[in-house]
N, C-alpha and C. Protein backbone atom coordinates (compact mmCIF):
# COMPACT_ATOMS: atom_id res chain seq x y z
N MET A 1 0.38 -1.20 0.03
CA MET A 1 0.00 -0.05 -0.05
C MET A 1 1.00 1.21 0.34
N SER A 2 0.62 2.04 -0.96
CA SER A 2 1.88 3.58 -0.98
C SER A 2 1.18 4.31 -0.31
N PHE A 3 1.49 5.45 -0.56
CA PHE A 3 1.01 6.77 0.80
C PHE A 3 -0.06 7.39 -0.28
N GLY A 4 0.15 7.16 -1.56
CA GLY A 4 -1.05 7.87 -2.75
C GLY A 4 -2.47 7.01 -2.15
N GLU A 5 -2.82 5.79 -2.26
CA GLU A 5 -3.81 4.86 -1.53
C GLU A 5 -4.24 5.37 -0.76
N ILE A 6 -3.54 5.66 0.55
CA ILE A 6 -3.82 5.74 2.19
C ILE A 6 -4.26 7.17 1.70
N GLY A 7 -3.76 8.27 1.15
CA GLY A 7 -4.24 9.66 1.02
C GLY A 7 -5.49 9.18 0.24
N ASP A 8 -5.89 8.64 -0.89
CA ASP A 8 -7.22 8.42 -1.47
C ASP A 8 -8.15 7.99 -0.57
N TRP A 9 -7.70 6.60 0.66
CA TRP A 9 -8.65 6.40 1.40
C TRP A 9 -9.55 7.25 2.21
N ILE A 10 -8.03 8.03 2.99
CA ILE A 10 -8.80 9.19 3.86
C ILE A 10 -9.62 10.17 3.31
N VAL A 11 -9.37 10.38 1.89
CA VAL A 11 -10.13 11.55 1.56
C VAL A 11 -11.54 10.74 0.73
N ASN A 12 -11.49 9.53 0.62
CA ASN A 12 -12.75 9.29 0.35
C ASN A 12 -14.16 8.97 1.93
N LEU A 13 -12.67 8.47 3.08
CA LEU A 13 -13.71 8.16 4.19
C LEU A 13 -13.97 9.78 4.87
N PHE A 14 -13.65 11.05 4.64
CA PHE A 14 -14.05 12.57 4.55
C PHE A 14 -15.01 12.76 3.80
N LEU A 15 -15.14 12.51 2.49
CA LEU A 15 -16.18 12.47 1.34
C LEU A 15 -17.42 11.68 2.24
N GLU A 16 -17.14 10.09 2.56
CA GLU A 16 -18.34 9.50 2.71
C GLU A 16 -19.00 10.29 4.30
N LEU A 17 -18.15 10.48 5.31
CA LEU A 17 -18.81 11.69 6.47
C LEU A 17 -19.73 12.54 6.08
N ILE A 18 -18.82 13.45 5.45
CA ILE A 18 -19.91 14.46 5.01
C ILE A 18 -20.63 14.63 4.49
N GLN A 19 -21.17 13.29 3.42
CA GLN A 19 -22.45 12.90 3.23
C GLN A 19 -23.05 12.31 3.65
N PHE A 20 -22.68 11.37 5.10
CA PHE A 20 -23.74 11.18 5.88
C PHE A 20 -24.03 12.19 7.02
N PHE A 21 -23.70 13.11 7.04
CA PHE A 21 -24.26 14.43 8.25
C PHE A 21 -24.95 15.22 6.91
N LEU A 22 -24.91 15.00 5.42
CA LEU A 22 -25.44 15.60 4.71
C LEU A 22 -27.05 15.21 4.43
N ASP A 23 -26.80 13.73 4.59
CA ASP A 23 -27.99 13.23 4.84
C ASP A 23 -29.00 12.66 5.95
N LEU A 24 -28.00 13.03 6.84
CA LEU A 24 -28.59 12.71 8.12
C LEU A 24 -30.40 13.55 8.53
N PRO A 25 -30.10 15.03 8.25
CA PRO A 25 -31.46 15.18 8.60
C PRO A 25 -33.15 14.78 7.53
N LYS A 26 -32.15 14.52 6.54
CA LYS A 26 -33.55 13.41 5.06
C LYS A 26 -33.88 12.64 6.56
N TYR A 27 -32.92 11.54 6.17
CA TYR A 27 -33.28 9.97 7.86
C TYR A 27 -34.19 10.75 8.69
N ILE A 28 -33.74 11.59 9.32
CA ILE A 28 -34.26 12.02 10.71
C ILE A 28 -35.96 12.57 10.29
N LEU A 29 -36.12 13.53 9.64
CA LEU A 29 -37.11 13.69 8.79
C LEU A 29 -38.16 12.64 8.25
N ASP A 30 -37.93 11.55 7.50
CA ASP A 30 -38.71 10.88 7.10
C ASP A 30 -39.38 9.58 7.95
N GLY A 31 -37.78 9.53 9.36
CA GLY A 31 -38.54 9.00 10.10
C GLY A 31 -39.96 9.54 11.30
N PHE A 32 -39.68 10.90 11.10
CA PHE A 32 -40.46 11.95 11.92
C PHE A 32 -41.64 11.51 11.31
N LEU A 33 -42.12 11.89 9.82
CA LEU A 33 -43.03 12.07 8.97
C LEU A 33 -43.59 10.46 8.81
N GLY A 34 -42.88 9.35 9.04
CA GLY A 34 -43.49 8.28 8.99
C GLY A 34 -43.63 7.92 10.20
N ALA A 35 -43.54 8.66 11.28
CA ALA A 35 -44.34 8.51 12.73
C ALA A 35 -45.61 8.99 12.28
N ILE A 36 -45.44 10.35 12.18
CA ILE A 36 -46.94 11.06 11.78
C ILE A 36 -47.83 10.31 11.47
N ALA A 37 -47.56 9.76 10.36
CA ALA A 37 -48.16 9.20 8.86
C ALA A 37 -48.86 8.12 9.95
N SER A 38 -47.90 7.23 10.29
CA SER A 38 -48.36 5.92 11.00
C SER A 38 -49.44 6.60 12.43
N ILE A 39 -49.40 7.08 13.17
CA ILE A 39 -50.23 7.69 13.84
C ILE A 39 -51.48 7.99 13.38
N ILE A 40 -51.41 8.85 12.01
CA ILE A 40 -52.88 9.19 11.63
C ILE A 40 -53.89 8.25 10.76
N GLU A 41 -53.09 7.30 10.73
CA GLU A 41 -53.83 6.26 9.96
C GLU A 41 -54.82 5.30 10.86
N LYS A 42 -53.83 5.82 11.76
CA LYS A 42 -54.55 4.84 13.24
C LYS A 42 -55.72 5.75 14.04
N VAL A 43 -56.08 6.91 13.66
CA VAL A 43 -57.34 7.33 13.57
C VAL A 43 -58.43 6.93 13.11
N PRO A 44 -59.51 6.45 13.67
CA PRO A 44 -60.91 6.60 12.95
C PRO A 44 -61.13 7.45 12.25
N PRO A 45 -62.21 7.36 11.00
CA PRO A 45 -63.30 8.33 10.74
C PRO A 45 -63.96 8.66 11.60
N PRO A 46 -64.78 9.95 11.72
CA PRO A 46 -66.11 10.15 12.49
C PRO A 46 -67.21 9.31 11.98
N ALA A 47 -67.96 9.03 13.25
CA ALA A 47 -69.45 8.43 12.68
C ALA A 47 -70.07 8.73 11.42
N PHE A 48 -69.72 9.74 11.35
CA PHE A 48 -71.27 10.68 10.37
C PHE A 48 -70.23 10.51 9.05
N THR A 49 -69.43 10.13 8.99
CA THR A 49 -68.64 10.04 7.69
C THR A 49 -68.52 8.96 6.91
N VAL A 50 -69.00 7.65 7.52
CA VAL A 50 -68.50 6.34 7.59
C VAL A 50 -69.21 6.32 6.30
N ASN A 51 -70.59 6.03 6.03
CA ASN A 51 -71.92 5.78 5.30
C ASN A 51 -72.41 6.97 4.20
N TYR A 52 -71.81 7.67 4.36
CA TYR A 52 -72.53 8.30 3.53
C TYR A 52 -71.28 9.34 2.17
N SER A 53 -72.26 9.30 1.52
CA SER A 53 -71.56 9.88 0.12
C SER A 53 -72.16 11.12 -0.93
N ILE A 54 -72.12 11.73 -1.56
CA ILE A 54 -72.69 13.02 -1.59
C ILE A 54 -73.64 12.17 -2.94
N VAL A 55 -73.54 11.46 -3.62
CA VAL A 55 -74.39 10.71 -4.52
C VAL A 55 -75.58 10.17 -3.37
N ASP A 56 -75.23 9.91 -2.78
CA ASP A 56 -76.53 9.19 -2.21
C ASP A 56 -77.95 10.53 -1.74
N TYR A 57 -77.49 11.78 -2.01
CA TYR A 57 -78.20 13.05 -2.28
C TYR A 57 -78.58 13.19 -3.24
N ILE A 58 -78.11 12.65 -4.60
CA ILE A 58 -78.34 13.25 -5.61
C ILE A 58 -78.99 12.59 -6.28
N PRO A 59 -80.70 13.24 -6.88
CA PRO A 59 -81.95 12.11 -7.28
C PRO A 59 -81.19 11.08 -8.84
N ALA A 60 -81.92 10.61 -9.16
CA ALA A 60 -81.41 9.60 -9.73
C ALA A 60 -81.37 10.40 -11.54
N ASP A 61 -82.44 11.05 -12.10
CA ASP A 61 -82.96 11.37 -12.91
C ASP A 61 -81.25 12.37 -13.34
N ILE A 62 -81.50 13.30 -11.90
CA ILE A 62 -79.88 14.46 -12.33
C ILE A 62 -78.58 13.56 -11.97
N SER A 63 -78.63 12.60 -11.69
CA SER A 63 -77.15 11.51 -11.38
C SER A 63 -77.47 11.21 -13.05
N TYR A 64 -78.34 10.74 -13.47
CA TYR A 64 -78.28 10.07 -15.39
C TYR A 64 -77.90 11.00 -16.03
N PHE A 65 -78.49 12.28 -15.81
CA PHE A 65 -78.18 13.50 -16.90
C PHE A 65 -76.29 14.07 -16.68
N LEU A 66 -75.98 14.17 -15.56
CA LEU A 66 -74.55 13.97 -15.23
C LEU A 66 -73.96 13.49 -15.71
N ILE A 67 -73.88 12.39 -15.94
CA ILE A 67 -73.34 10.74 -16.58
C ILE A 67 -73.15 10.33 -17.90
N MET A 68 -74.29 10.93 -18.25
CA MET A 68 -74.41 11.20 -20.16
C MET A 68 -73.92 12.60 -20.24
N SER A 69 -73.58 13.51 -19.37
CA SER A 69 -73.26 14.21 -20.22
C SER A 69 -71.62 14.93 -20.03
N SER A 70 -70.86 14.00 -19.65
CA SER A 70 -70.01 13.71 -19.01
C SER A 70 -69.44 14.57 -18.00
N PHE A 71 -70.26 15.26 -17.07
CA PHE A 71 -69.67 15.41 -15.76
C PHE A 71 -68.49 14.89 -15.11
N PRO A 72 -67.92 13.68 -15.15
CA PRO A 72 -67.32 13.48 -13.40
C PRO A 72 -65.95 13.52 -14.53
N PRO A 73 -66.01 13.46 -15.83
CA PRO A 73 -64.11 13.76 -16.44
C PRO A 73 -64.10 15.51 -16.38
N ALA A 74 -65.00 16.25 -16.89
CA ALA A 74 -64.81 17.22 -16.26
C ALA A 74 -64.74 17.44 -15.65
N LEU A 75 -64.73 17.08 -14.34
CA LEU A 75 -64.53 17.73 -12.33
C LEU A 75 -63.13 17.19 -12.27
N ALA A 76 -62.57 16.19 -12.77
CA ALA A 76 -61.19 15.76 -13.18
C ALA A 76 -60.50 16.00 -13.60
N ILE A 77 -61.13 17.15 -14.86
CA ILE A 77 -60.22 18.30 -15.50
C ILE A 77 -59.99 19.08 -15.18
N ILE A 78 -61.07 19.83 -14.64
CA ILE A 78 -60.85 21.21 -13.83
C ILE A 78 -60.23 20.78 -12.10
N GLY A 79 -59.99 19.22 -11.34
CA GLY A 79 -59.30 19.36 -10.44
C GLY A 79 -58.11 19.36 -10.75
N GLY A 80 -57.78 18.35 -11.49
CA GLY A 80 -56.26 18.58 -12.16
C GLY A 80 -56.08 20.11 -12.82
N ALA A 81 -56.24 21.11 -13.30
CA ALA A 81 -55.93 22.28 -13.62
C ALA A 81 -55.69 23.38 -12.13
N VAL A 82 -56.89 22.66 -11.34
CA VAL A 82 -56.69 23.42 -10.13
C VAL A 82 -55.24 22.90 -9.29
N THR A 83 -55.22 21.88 -9.61
CA THR A 83 -54.23 21.17 -8.57
C THR A 83 -52.60 22.00 -9.40
N PHE A 84 -52.86 21.65 -10.59
CA PHE A 84 -51.61 22.63 -11.56
C PHE A 84 -50.89 23.95 -10.64
N ARG A 85 -52.13 24.24 -10.70
CA ARG A 85 -51.72 26.42 -10.92
C ARG A 85 -51.52 26.11 -9.25
N PHE A 86 -52.28 25.56 -8.30
CA PHE A 86 -51.51 25.70 -7.02
C PHE A 86 -50.11 24.81 -6.69
N LEU A 87 -49.73 23.75 -7.85
CA LEU A 87 -48.23 23.68 -7.56
C LEU A 87 -47.57 24.17 -8.02
N ARG A 88 -47.69 25.10 -9.12
CA ARG A 88 -46.94 25.98 -9.72
C ARG A 88 -46.96 26.86 -8.89
N ARG A 89 -47.48 27.46 -8.77
CA ARG A 89 -47.65 28.66 -7.69
C ARG A 89 -46.58 28.40 -6.23
N VAL A 90 -47.07 26.89 -5.59
CA VAL A 90 -46.20 26.55 -4.13
C VAL A 90 -44.83 26.52 -5.29
N LEU A 91 -44.65 25.81 -6.58
CA LEU A 91 -43.01 25.29 -6.44
C LEU A 91 -42.34 26.60 -6.85
N THR A 92 -42.91 27.73 -7.20
CA THR A 92 -41.58 28.80 -8.09
C THR A 92 -42.27 30.24 -7.31
N LEU A 93 -42.46 29.86 -5.61
CA LEU A 93 -43.04 30.37 -4.67
C LEU A 93 -43.84 31.82 -4.47
N GLY A 94 -44.56 31.19 -5.49
CA GLY A 94 -45.74 32.65 -5.97
C GLY A 94 -45.12 33.68 -7.17
N ILE A 95 -44.04 33.45 -7.95
CA ILE A 95 -43.71 34.44 -8.36
C ILE A 95 -44.67 34.21 -9.89
N TRP A 96 -44.70 32.79 -10.30
CA TRP A 96 -44.95 33.02 -11.91
C TRP A 96 -46.65 32.92 -11.82
């Protein structure tokens, strides 16, 4: 083993150590958010929301015409557009 190899080994050791400390906050945040997600998953939904849906309150005639006029795909397109606009604002910090 020559001195050049030992120097390369020491440089690689320090680079790996620096990378470890740069990744440490990510690992801590991942564990913290995972713990919060598991706690939220264990919370049961409220009793009044379990067996009800907005579709239960729409009469059958109106539901038929909404489906025939492609209302669900239209809502999906509008929802996608709103989501895109919101994400564009958040990711560009409101500049764009």
